[in-house]
Amino acid sequence: IFLFIFSFGHTLLAKAPPVTLNDQTEHYKIDLNFDYLEDPTGLLTIE
């Protein structure tokens, strides 16, 4: 199960660089623009 958190503000403590959307680009690969956390229990919540 994949869960994504998107931040449009400055509060996210991301280690990866942000994805910056602009009017010249229609498709973005985000492979190098995300941080991940494995939850083997599946019990963690967004909070």
All heavy atoms as atom14 arrays in JSON, in Angstrom:
{
  "sequence": "IFLFIFSFGHTLLAKAPPVTLNDQTEHYKIDLNFDYLEDPTGLLTIE",
  "atom14_mask": [
    [1, 1, 1, 1, 1, 1, 1, 1, 0, 0, 0, 0, 0, 0],
    [1, 1, 1, 1, 1, 1, 1, 1, 1, 1, 1, 0, 0, 0],
    [1, 1, 1, 1, 1, 1, 1, 1, 0, 0, 0, 0, 0, 0],
    [1, 1, 1, 1, 1, 1, 1, 1, 1, 1, 1, 0, 0, 0],
    [1, 1, 1, 1, 1, 1, 1, 1, 0, 0, 0, 0, 0, 0],
    [1, 1, 1, 1, 1, 1, 1, 1, 1, 1, 1, 0, 0, 0],
    [1, 1, 1, 1, 1, 1, 0, 0, 0, 0, 0, 0, 0, 0],
    [1, 1, 1, 1, 1, 1, 1, 1, 1, 1, 1, 0, 0, 0],
    [1, 1, 1, 1, 0, 0, 0, 0, 0, 0, 0, 0, 0, 0],
    [1, 1, 1, 1, 1, 1, 1, 1, 1, 1, 0, 0, 0, 0],
    [1, 1, 1, 1, 1, 1, 1, 0, 0, 0, 0, 0, 0, 0],
    [1, 1, 1, 1, 1, 1, 1, 1, 0, 0, 0, 0, 0, 0],
    [1, 1, 1, 1, 1, 1, 1, 1, 0, 0, 0, 0, 0, 0],
    [1, 1, 1, 1, 1, 0, 0, 0, 0, 0, 0, 0, 0, 0],
    [1, 1, 1, 1, 1, 1, 1, 1, 1, 0, 0, 0, 0, 0],
    [1, 1, 1, 1, 1, 0, 0, 0, 0, 0, 0, 0, 0, 0],
    [1, 1, 1, 1, 1, 1, 1, 0, 0, 0, 0, 0, 0, 0],
    [1, 1, 1, 1, 1, 1, 1, 0, 0, 0, 0, 0, 0, 0],
    [1, 1, 1, 1, 1, 1, 1, 0, 0, 0, 0, 0, 0, 0],
    [1, 1, 1, 1, 1, 1, 1, 0, 0, 0, 0, 0, 0, 0],
    [1, 1, 1, 1, 1, 1, 1, 1, 0, 0, 0, 0, 0, 0],
    [1, 1, 1, 1, 1, 1, 1, 1, 0, 0, 0, 0, 0, 0],
    [1, 1, 1, 1, 1, 1, 1, 1, 0, 0, 0, 0, 0, 0],
    [1, 1, 1, 1, 1, 1, 1, 1, 1, 0, 0, 0, 0, 0],
    [1, 1, 1, 1, 1, 1, 1, 0, 0, 0, 0, 0, 0, 0],
    [1, 1, 1, 1, 1, 1, 1, 1, 1, 0, 0, 0, 0, 0],
    [1, 1, 1, 1, 1, 1, 1, 1, 1, 1, 0, 0, 0, 0],
    [1, 1, 1, 1, 1, 1, 1, 1, 1, 1, 1, 1, 0, 0],
    [1, 1, 1, 1, 1, 1, 1, 1, 1, 0, 0, 0, 0, 0],
    [1, 1, 1, 1, 1, 1, 1, 1, 0, 0, 0, 0, 0, 0],
    [1, 1, 1, 1, 1, 1, 1, 1, 0, 0, 0, 0, 0, 0],
    [1, 1, 1, 1, 1, 1, 1, 1, 0, 0, 0, 0, 0, 0],
    [1, 1, 1, 1, 1, 1, 1, 1, 0, 0, 0, 0, 0, 0],
    [1, 1, 1, 1, 1, 1, 1, 1, 1, 1, 1, 0, 0, 0],
    [1, 1, 1, 1, 1, 1, 1, 1, 0, 0, 0, 0, 0, 0],
    [1, 1, 1, 1, 1, 1, 1, 1, 1, 1, 1, 1, 0, 0],
    [1, 1, 1, 1, 1, 1, 1, 1, 0, 0, 0, 0, 0, 0],
    [1, 1, 1, 1, 1, 1, 1, 1, 1, 0, 0, 0, 0, 0],
    [1, 1, 1, 1, 1, 1, 1, 1, 0, 0, 0, 0, 0, 0],
    [1, 1, 1, 1, 1, 1, 1, 0, 0, 0, 0, 0, 0, 0],
    [1, 1, 1, 1, 1, 1, 1, 0, 0, 0, 0, 0, 0, 0],
    [1, 1, 1, 1, 0, 0, 0, 0, 0, 0, 0, 0, 0, 0],
    [1, 1, 1, 1, 1, 1, 1, 1, 0, 0, 0, 0, 0, 0],
    [1, 1, 1, 1, 1, 1, 1, 1, 0, 0, 0, 0, 0, 0],
    [1, 1, 1, 1, 1, 1, 1, 0, 0, 0, 0, 0, 0, 0],
    [1, 1, 1, 1, 1, 1, 1, 1, 0, 0, 0, 0, 0, 0],
    [1, 1, 1, 1, 1, 1, 1, 1, 1, 0, 0, 0, 0, 0]
  ],
  "atom14_positions": [
    [[0.86, -1.18, 0.0], [0.0, 0.0, 0.0], [0.89, 1.23, 0.0], [1.78, 1.36, 0.82], [-0.91, 0.04, 1.25], [-1.84, -1.17, 1.26], [-1.73, 1.32, 1.28], [-2.63, -1.3, 2.53], [0.0, 0.0, 0.0], [0.0, 0.0, 0.0], [0.0, 0.0, 0.0], [0.0, 0.0, 0.0], [0.0, 0.0, 0.0], [0.0, 0.0, 0.0]],
    [[0.67, 2.12, -0.93], [1.44, 3.36, -1.0], [0.59, 4.5, -0.48], [-0.56, 4.64, -0.86], [1.85, 3.67, -2.44], [2.96, 2.84, -2.94], [2.72, 1.58, -3.48], [4.26, 3.29, -2.89], [3.75, 0.8, -3.94], [5.3, 2.51, -3.35], [5.04, 1.26, -3.88], [0.0, 0.0, 0.0], [0.0, 0.0, 0.0], [0.0, 0.0, 0.0]],
    [[1.16, 5.33, 0.35], [0.49, 6.51, 0.88], [1.38, 7.7, 0.62], [2.57, 7.67, 0.94], [0.21, 6.34, 2.37], [-0.68, 5.15, 2.68], [-0.42, 4.65, 4.08], [-2.12, 5.51, 2.49], [0.0, 0.0, 0.0], [0.0, 0.0, 0.0], [0.0, 0.0, 0.0], [0.0, 0.0, 0.0], [0.0, 0.0, 0.0], [0.0, 0.0, 0.0]],
    [[0.83, 8.73, 0.05], [1.61, 9.91, -0.27], [1.17, 11.09, 0.58], [0.0, 11.25, 0.87], [1.42, 10.31, -1.74], [2.11, 9.43, -2.7], [1.58, 8.19, -3.03], [3.29, 9.82, -3.3], [2.21, 7.37, -3.94], [3.93, 9.0, -4.21], [3.39, 7.77, -4.52], [0.0, 0.0, 0.0], [0.0, 0.0, 0.0], [0.0, 0.0, 0.0]],
    [[2.11, 11.93, 0.92], [1.81, 13.17, 1.62], [2.3, 14.29, 0.73], [3.47, 14.32, 0.36], [2.55, 13.26, 2.96], [2.21, 12.05, 3.83], [2.22, 14.56, 3.67], [3.14, 11.92, 4.99], [0.0, 0.0, 0.0], [0.0, 0.0, 0.0], [0.0, 0.0, 0.0], [0.0, 0.0, 0.0], [0.0, 0.0, 0.0], [0.0, 0.0, 0.0]],
    [[1.42, 15.17, 0.37], [1.8, 16.3, -0.46], [1.75, 17.57, 0.37], [0.81, 17.79, 1.12], [0.88, 16.44, -1.67], [1.16, 15.4, -2.68], [0.58, 14.15, -2.58], [2.03, 15.64, -3.72], [0.85, 13.17, -3.51], [2.32, 14.66, -4.65], [1.73, 13.42, -4.53], [0.0, 0.0, 0.0], [0.0, 0.0, 0.0], [0.0, 0.0, 0.0]],
    [[2.76, 18.37, 0.24], [2.82, 19.62, 0.98], [2.93, 20.76, 0.0], [3.8, 20.76, -0.86], [4.02, 19.63, 1.91], [4.18, 20.9, 2.47], [0.0, 0.0, 0.0], [0.0, 0.0, 0.0], [0.0, 0.0, 0.0], [0.0, 0.0, 0.0], [0.0, 0.0, 0.0], [0.0, 0.0, 0.0], [0.0, 0.0, 0.0], [0.0, 0.0, 0.0]],
    [[2.07, 21.72, 0.15], [2.15, 22.91, -0.68], [2.65, 24.09, 0.15], [2.63, 25.21, -0.28], [0.78, 23.21, -1.32], [0.39, 22.15, -2.3], [-0.34, 21.04, -1.89], [0.78, 22.23, -3.61], [-0.68, 20.05, -2.79], [0.44, 21.24, -4.52], [-0.29, 20.16, -4.11], [0.0, 0.0, 0.0], [0.0, 0.0, 0.0], [0.0, 0.0, 0.0]],
    [[3.1, 23.81, 1.35], [3.63, 24.85, 2.24], [5.08, 24.58, 2.55], [5.73, 23.78, 1.88], [0.0, 0.0, 0.0], [0.0, 0.0, 0.0], [0.0, 0.0, 0.0], [0.0, 0.0, 0.0], [0.0, 0.0, 0.0], [0.0, 0.0, 0.0], [0.0, 0.0, 0.0], [0.0, 0.0, 0.0], [0.0, 0.0, 0.0], [0.0, 0.0, 0.0]],
    [[5.57, 25.18, 3.59], [6.97, 25.03, 3.96], [7.15, 24.21, 5.22], [8.24, 24.17, 5.78], [7.6, 26.42, 4.14], [7.58, 27.23, 2.89], [8.4, 26.98, 1.82], [6.8, 28.27, 2.53], [8.15, 27.83, 0.86], [7.18, 28.63, 1.25], [0.0, 0.0, 0.0], [0.0, 0.0, 0.0], [0.0, 0.0, 0.0], [0.0, 0.0, 0.0]],
    [[6.11, 23.54, 5.7], [6.19, 22.85, 6.98], [6.73, 21.43, 6.87], [7.09, 20.84, 7.86], [4.81, 22.79, 7.65], [3.9, 22.12, 6.76], [4.29, 24.18, 7.95], [0.0, 0.0, 0.0], [0.0, 0.0, 0.0], [0.0, 0.0, 0.0], [0.0, 0.0, 0.0], [0.0, 0.0, 0.0], [0.0, 0.0, 0.0], [0.0, 0.0, 0.0]],
    [[6.78, 20.89, 5.69], [7.22, 19.51, 5.52], [8.73, 19.4, 5.68], [9.49, 20.12, 5.06], [6.81, 19.03, 4.12], [7.0, 17.56, 3.82], [6.08, 16.72, 4.71], [6.69, 17.3, 2.37], [0.0, 0.0, 0.0], [0.0, 0.0, 0.0], [0.0, 0.0, 0.0], [0.0, 0.0, 0.0], [0.0, 0.0, 0.0], [0.0, 0.0, 0.0]],
    [[9.17, 18.49, 6.52], [10.59, 18.3, 6.77], [11.18, 17.29, 5.78], [11.69, 16.25, 6.17], [10.8, 17.81, 8.21], [10.3, 18.76, 9.29], [10.35, 18.07, 10.65], [11.12, 20.04, 9.3], [0.0, 0.0, 0.0], [0.0, 0.0, 0.0], [0.0, 0.0, 0.0], [0.0, 0.0, 0.0], [0.0, 0.0, 0.0], [0.0, 0.0, 0.0]],
    [[11.1, 17.6, 4.52], [11.58, 16.68, 3.49], [13.1, 16.76, 3.35], [13.69, 17.82, 3.45], [10.91, 17.0, 2.15], [0.0, 0.0, 0.0], [0.0, 0.0, 0.0], [0.0, 0.0, 0.0], [0.0, 0.0, 0.0], [0.0, 0.0, 0.0], [0.0, 0.0, 0.0], [0.0, 0.0, 0.0], [0.0, 0.0, 0.0], [0.0, 0.0, 0.0]],
    [[13.69, 15.59, 3.12], [15.12, 15.53, 2.84], [15.36, 15.65, 1.34], [16.37, 16.16, 0.92], [15.68, 14.2, 3.35], [15.61, 14.04, 4.85], [16.08, 12.67, 5.28], [15.87, 12.46, 6.77], [16.21, 11.13, 7.2], [0.0, 0.0, 0.0], [0.0, 0.0, 0.0], [0.0, 0.0, 0.0], [0.0, 0.0, 0.0], [0.0, 0.0, 0.0]],
    [[14.42, 15.13, 0.56], [14.53, 15.16, -0.9], [14.16, 16.55, -1.42], [13.39, 17.27, -0.79], [13.61, 14.11, -1.52], [0.0, 0.0, 0.0], [0.0, 0.0, 0.0], [0.0, 0.0, 0.0], [0.0, 0.0, 0.0], [0.0, 0.0, 0.0], [0.0, 0.0, 0.0], [0.0, 0.0, 0.0], [0.0, 0.0, 0.0], [0.0, 0.0, 0.0]],
    [[14.71, 16.93, -2.58], [14.35, 18.24, -3.14], [12.88, 18.25, -3.56], [12.31, 17.21, -3.89], [15.28, 18.37, -4.35], [15.69, 16.99, -4.7], [15.64, 16.2, -3.41], [0.0, 0.0, 0.0], [0.0, 0.0, 0.0], [0.0, 0.0, 0.0], [0.0, 0.0, 0.0], [0.0, 0.0, 0.0], [0.0, 0.0, 0.0], [0.0, 0.0, 0.0]],
    [[12.25, 19.44, -3.55], [10.84, 19.5, -3.93], [10.64, 19.3, -5.42], [11.56, 19.47, -6.22], [10.44, 20.92, -3.52], [11.72, 21.7, -3.57], [12.8, 20.73, -3.18], [0.0, 0.0, 0.0], [0.0, 0.0, 0.0], [0.0, 0.0, 0.0], [0.0, 0.0, 0.0], [0.0, 0.0, 0.0], [0.0, 0.0, 0.0], [0.0, 0.0, 0.0]],
    [[9.42, 18.97, -5.79], [9.0, 18.95, -7.19], [8.4, 20.33, -7.44], [7.46, 20.73, -6.75], [7.93, 17.87, -7.46], [7.42, 17.95, -8.88], [8.48, 16.49, -7.14], [0.0, 0.0, 0.0], [0.0, 0.0, 0.0], [0.0, 0.0, 0.0], [0.0, 0.0, 0.0], [0.0, 0.0, 0.0], [0.0, 0.0, 0.0], [0.0, 0.0, 0.0]],
    [[8.96, 21.07, -8.38], [8.46, 22.41, -8.68], [7.73, 22.36, -10.02], [8.34, 22.1, -11.06], [9.61, 23.43, -8.73], [10.28, 23.42, -7.46], [9.08, 24.83, -8.99], [0.0, 0.0, 0.0], [0.0, 0.0, 0.0], [0.0, 0.0, 0.0], [0.0, 0.0, 0.0], [0.0, 0.0, 0.0], [0.0, 0.0, 0.0], [0.0, 0.0, 0.0]],
    [[6.44, 22.58, -9.97], [5.6, 22.56, -11.17], [5.69, 23.91, -11.86], [5.69, 24.95, -11.21], [4.15, 22.27, -10.78], [3.91, 21.04, -9.91], [2.43, 20.95, -9.54], [4.38, 19.78, -10.6], [0.0, 0.0, 0.0], [0.0, 0.0, 0.0], [0.0, 0.0, 0.0], [0.0, 0.0, 0.0], [0.0, 0.0, 0.0], [0.0, 0.0, 0.0]],
    [[5.76, 23.87, -13.21], [5.8, 25.12, -13.97], [4.96, 24.96, -15.24], [4.48, 23.87, -15.54], [7.24, 25.52, -14.29], [7.94, 24.48, -15.15], [7.5, 24.15, -16.24], [9.06, 23.96, -14.65], [0.0, 0.0, 0.0], [0.0, 0.0, 0.0], [0.0, 0.0, 0.0], [0.0, 0.0, 0.0], [0.0, 0.0, 0.0], [0.0, 0.0, 0.0]],
    [[4.77, 26.04, -15.97], [3.92, 26.0, -17.17], [4.61, 25.39, -18.38], [3.96, 25.11, -19.38], [3.44, 27.42, -17.51], [2.47, 27.96, -16.49], [1.65, 27.16, -15.98], [2.52, 29.17, -16.19], [0.0, 0.0, 0.0], [0.0, 0.0, 0.0], [0.0, 0.0, 0.0], [0.0, 0.0, 0.0], [0.0, 0.0, 0.0], [0.0, 0.0, 0.0]],
    [[5.91, 25.15, -18.33], [6.63, 24.61, -19.47], [6.72, 23.08, -19.47], [7.05, 22.47, -20.47], [8.06, 25.18, -19.53], [8.13, 26.66, -19.85], [7.73, 27.54, -18.69], [8.08, 27.26, -17.54], [7.0, 28.59, -18.96], [0.0, 0.0, 0.0], [0.0, 0.0, 0.0], [0.0, 0.0, 0.0], [0.0, 0.0, 0.0], [0.0, 0.0, 0.0]],
    [[6.44, 22.45, -18.35], [6.61, 21.01, -18.22], [5.27, 20.33, -17.95], [4.52, 20.79, -17.1], [7.6, 20.68, -17.08], [8.8, 21.44, -17.28], [7.94, 19.21, -17.04], [0.0, 0.0, 0.0], [0.0, 0.0, 0.0], [0.0, 0.0, 0.0], [0.0, 0.0, 0.0], [0.0, 0.0, 0.0], [0.0, 0.0, 0.0], [0.0, 0.0, 0.0]],
    [[4.98, 19.26, -18.69], [3.71, 18.55, -18.52], [3.85, 17.26, -17.72], [2.9, 16.77, -17.16], [3.09, 18.23, -19.88], [2.62, 19.46, -20.62], [1.9, 19.12, -21.9], [1.52, 17.94, -22.1], [1.71, 20.03, -22.71], [0.0, 0.0, 0.0], [0.0, 0.0, 0.0], [0.0, 0.0, 0.0], [0.0, 0.0, 0.0], [0.0, 0.0, 0.0]],
    [[5.06, 16.68, -17.68], [5.26, 15.39, -17.02], [6.5, 15.47, -16.14], [7.54, 15.96, -16.56], [5.45, 14.3, -18.08], [5.67, 12.95, -17.49], [6.93, 12.44, -17.28], [4.82, 12.01, -17.05], [6.83, 11.23, -16.74], [5.56, 10.96, -16.58], [0.0, 0.0, 0.0], [0.0, 0.0, 0.0], [0.0, 0.0, 0.0], [0.0, 0.0, 0.0]],
    [[6.35, 15.01, -14.91], [7.46, 15.03, -13.95], [7.7, 13.63, -13.42], [6.77, 12.97, -13.0], [7.13, 15.93, -12.75], [6.93, 17.37, -13.13], [5.69, 17.81, -13.57], [7.97, 18.27, -13.04], [5.5, 19.13, -13.92], [7.78, 19.6, -13.38], [6.54, 20.02, -13.83], [6.35, 21.32, -14.17], [0.0, 0.0, 0.0], [0.0, 0.0, 0.0]],
    [[8.95, 13.18, -13.43], [9.34, 11.95, -12.74], [9.79, 12.36, -11.36], [10.62, 13.24, -11.22], [10.49, 11.28, -13.48], [10.07, 10.16, -14.39], [11.28, 9.45, -14.94], [11.6, 8.3, -14.06], [11.69, 7.01, -14.58], [0.0, 0.0, 0.0], [0.0, 0.0, 0.0], [0.0, 0.0, 0.0], [0.0, 0.0, 0.0], [0.0, 0.0, 0.0]],
    [[9.22, 11.74, -10.33], [9.55, 12.16, -8.96], [10.46, 11.16, -8.24], [10.6, 11.22, -7.03], [8.28, 12.42, -8.14], [7.48, 11.13, -7.93], [7.43, 13.5, -8.77], [6.44, 11.22, -6.85], [0.0, 0.0, 0.0], [0.0, 0.0, 0.0], [0.0, 0.0, 0.0], [0.0, 0.0, 0.0], [0.0, 0.0, 0.0], [0.0, 0.0, 0.0]],
    [[11.09, 10.26, -8.99], [11.91, 9.22, -8.37], [12.95, 9.75, -7.39], [13.22, 9.12, -6.37], [12.61, 8.38, -9.44], [11.64, 7.58, -10.28], [10.49, 7.39, -9.84], [12.02, 7.15, -11.37], [0.0, 0.0, 0.0], [0.0, 0.0, 0.0], [0.0, 0.0, 0.0], [0.0, 0.0, 0.0], [0.0, 0.0, 0.0], [0.0, 0.0, 0.0]],
    [[13.55, 10.87, -7.67], [14.58, 11.43, -6.8], [14.05, 12.56, -5.91], [14.82, 13.26, -5.28], [15.77, 11.92, -7.63], [16.49, 10.81, -8.42], [17.55, 11.38, -9.33], [17.09, 9.78, -7.48], [0.0, 0.0, 0.0], [0.0, 0.0, 0.0], [0.0, 0.0, 0.0], [0.0, 0.0, 0.0], [0.0, 0.0, 0.0], [0.0, 0.0, 0.0]],
    [[12.72, 12.69, -5.88], [12.1, 13.79, -5.13], [11.22, 13.32, -3.98], [10.32, 14.03, -3.57], [11.24, 14.65, -6.08], [12.06, 15.29, -7.15], [12.24, 14.73, -8.22], [12.59, 16.47, -6.87], [0.0, 0.0, 0.0], [0.0, 0.0, 0.0], [0.0, 0.0, 0.0], [0.0, 0.0, 0.0], [0.0, 0.0, 0.0], [0.0, 0.0, 0.0]],
    [[11.45, 12.13, -3.49], [10.64, 11.69, -2.36], [11.48, 11.04, -1.26], [12.55, 10.53, -1.5], [9.51, 10.75, -2.79], [9.94, 9.4, -3.29], [10.27, 8.38, -2.4], [10.01, 9.13, -4.64], [10.66, 7.13, -2.84], [10.39, 7.88, -5.1], [10.71, 6.88, -4.2], [0.0, 0.0, 0.0], [0.0, 0.0, 0.0], [0.0, 0.0, 0.0]],
    [[10.92, 11.13, -0.06], [11.45, 10.41, 1.11], [10.46, 9.29, 1.39], [9.28, 9.4, 1.04], [11.5, 11.32, 2.34], [12.34, 12.57, 2.13], [13.3, 12.52, 1.36], [12.02, 13.59, 2.77], [0.0, 0.0, 0.0], [0.0, 0.0, 0.0], [0.0, 0.0, 0.0], [0.0, 0.0, 0.0], [0.0, 0.0, 0.0], [0.0, 0.0, 0.0]],
    [[10.93, 8.22, 2.0], [10.02, 7.11, 2.29], [10.27, 6.54, 3.68], [11.34, 6.69, 4.25], [10.12, 6.01, 1.23], [11.45, 5.31, 1.21], [11.64, 4.13, 1.94], [12.51, 5.8, 0.47], [12.86, 3.48, 1.94], [13.74, 5.16, 0.46], [13.9, 4.01, 1.2], [15.12, 3.37, 1.21], [0.0, 0.0, 0.0], [0.0, 0.0, 0.0]],
    [[9.24, 5.92, 4.18], [9.29, 5.26, 5.48], [8.55, 3.94, 5.36], [7.4, 3.91, 4.9], [8.6, 6.14, 6.54], [8.42, 5.5, 7.92], [9.75, 5.36, 8.65], [7.44, 6.32, 8.76], [0.0, 0.0, 0.0], [0.0, 0.0, 0.0], [0.0, 0.0, 0.0], [0.0, 0.0, 0.0], [0.0, 0.0, 0.0], [0.0, 0.0, 0.0]],
    [[9.2, 2.85, 5.72], [8.55, 1.54, 5.71], [7.89, 1.3, 7.06], [8.5, 1.46, 8.11], [9.55, 0.42, 5.42], [8.87, -0.94, 5.36], [9.81, -2.07, 4.98], [11.03, -1.83, 4.85], [9.32, -3.2, 4.81], [0.0, 0.0, 0.0], [0.0, 0.0, 0.0], [0.0, 0.0, 0.0], [0.0, 0.0, 0.0], [0.0, 0.0, 0.0]],
    [[6.62, 0.92, 7.02], [5.85, 0.58, 8.21], [5.49, -0.9, 8.13], [4.47, -1.26, 7.56], [4.59, 1.44, 8.3], [3.65, 1.02, 9.42], [4.08, 0.25, 10.31], [2.5, 1.48, 9.42], [0.0, 0.0, 0.0], [0.0, 0.0, 0.0], [0.0, 0.0, 0.0], [0.0, 0.0, 0.0], [0.0, 0.0, 0.0], [0.0, 0.0, 0.0]],
    [[6.34, -1.79, 8.66], [6.08, -3.23, 8.55], [4.81, -3.66, 9.3], [4.22, -4.68, 8.96], [7.32, -3.89, 9.15], [8.18, -2.83, 9.69], [7.6, -1.5, 9.32], [0.0, 0.0, 0.0], [0.0, 0.0, 0.0], [0.0, 0.0, 0.0], [0.0, 0.0, 0.0], [0.0, 0.0, 0.0], [0.0, 0.0, 0.0], [0.0, 0.0, 0.0]],
    [[4.38, -2.88, 10.28], [3.18, -3.24, 11.04], [1.91, -2.82, 10.32], [0.84, -3.39, 10.54], [3.17, -2.57, 12.43], [3.01, -1.16, 12.28], [4.43, -2.88, 13.21], [0.0, 0.0, 0.0], [0.0, 0.0, 0.0], [0.0, 0.0, 0.0], [0.0, 0.0, 0.0], [0.0, 0.0, 0.0], [0.0, 0.0, 0.0], [0.0, 0.0, 0.0]],
    [[2.0, -1.79, 9.48], [0.82, -1.26, 8.8], [-0.11, -0.51, 9.74], [-1.25, -0.23, 9.4], [0.0, 0.0, 0.0], [0.0, 0.0, 0.0], [0.0, 0.0, 0.0], [0.0, 0.0, 0.0], [0.0, 0.0, 0.0], [0.0, 0.0, 0.0], [0.0, 0.0, 0.0], [0.0, 0.0, 0.0], [0.0, 0.0, 0.0], [0.0, 0.0, 0.0]],
    [[0.39, -0.16, 10.92], [-0.46, 0.46, 11.95], [-0.3, 1.98, 12.07], [-1.1, 2.63, 12.74], [-0.19, -0.18, 13.31], [-0.49, -1.68, 13.41], [-0.08, -2.21, 14.78], [-1.97, -1.95, 13.14], [0.0, 0.0, 0.0], [0.0, 0.0, 0.0], [0.0, 0.0, 0.0], [0.0, 0.0, 0.0], [0.0, 0.0, 0.0], [0.0, 0.0, 0.0]],
    [[0.73, 2.54, 11.46], [0.94, 3.98, 11.59], [-0.17, 4.75, 10.88], [-0.69, 4.3, 9.85], [2.3, 4.38, 11.01], [3.52, 3.88, 11.77], [4.79, 4.23, 11.01], [3.55, 4.46, 13.17], [0.0, 0.0, 0.0], [0.0, 0.0, 0.0], [0.0, 0.0, 0.0], [0.0, 0.0, 0.0], [0.0, 0.0, 0.0], [0.0, 0.0, 0.0]],
    [[-0.49, 5.91, 11.43], [-1.5, 6.78, 10.83], [-0.83, 8.06, 10.34], [0.34, 8.32, 10.66], [-2.58, 7.17, 11.87], [-1.96, 7.97, 12.89], [-3.23, 5.93, 12.48], [0.0, 0.0, 0.0], [0.0, 0.0, 0.0], [0.0, 0.0, 0.0], [0.0, 0.0, 0.0], [0.0, 0.0, 0.0], [0.0, 0.0, 0.0], [0.0, 0.0, 0.0]],
    [[-1.58, 8.86, 9.62], [-1.05, 10.14, 9.15], [-0.64, 11.02, 10.33], [0.36, 11.72, 10.27], [-2.07, 10.85, 8.22], [-1.46, 12.11, 7.59], [-3.35, 11.21, 8.94], [-0.46, 11.84, 6.53], [0.0, 0.0, 0.0], [0.0, 0.0, 0.0], [0.0, 0.0, 0.0], [0.0, 0.0, 0.0], [0.0, 0.0, 0.0], [0.0, 0.0, 0.0]],
    [[-1.39, 10.96, 11.42], [-1.04, 11.72, 12.61], [0.26, 11.21, 13.23], [1.09, 11.99, 13.68], [-2.18, 11.67, 13.65], [-3.41, 12.46, 13.27], [-4.32, 11.72, 12.28], [-4.15, 10.48, 12.08], [-5.18, 12.38, 11.69], [0.0, 0.0, 0.0], [0.0, 0.0, 0.0], [0.0, 0.0, 0.0], [0.0, 0.0, 0.0], [0.0, 0.0, 0.0]]
  ]
}
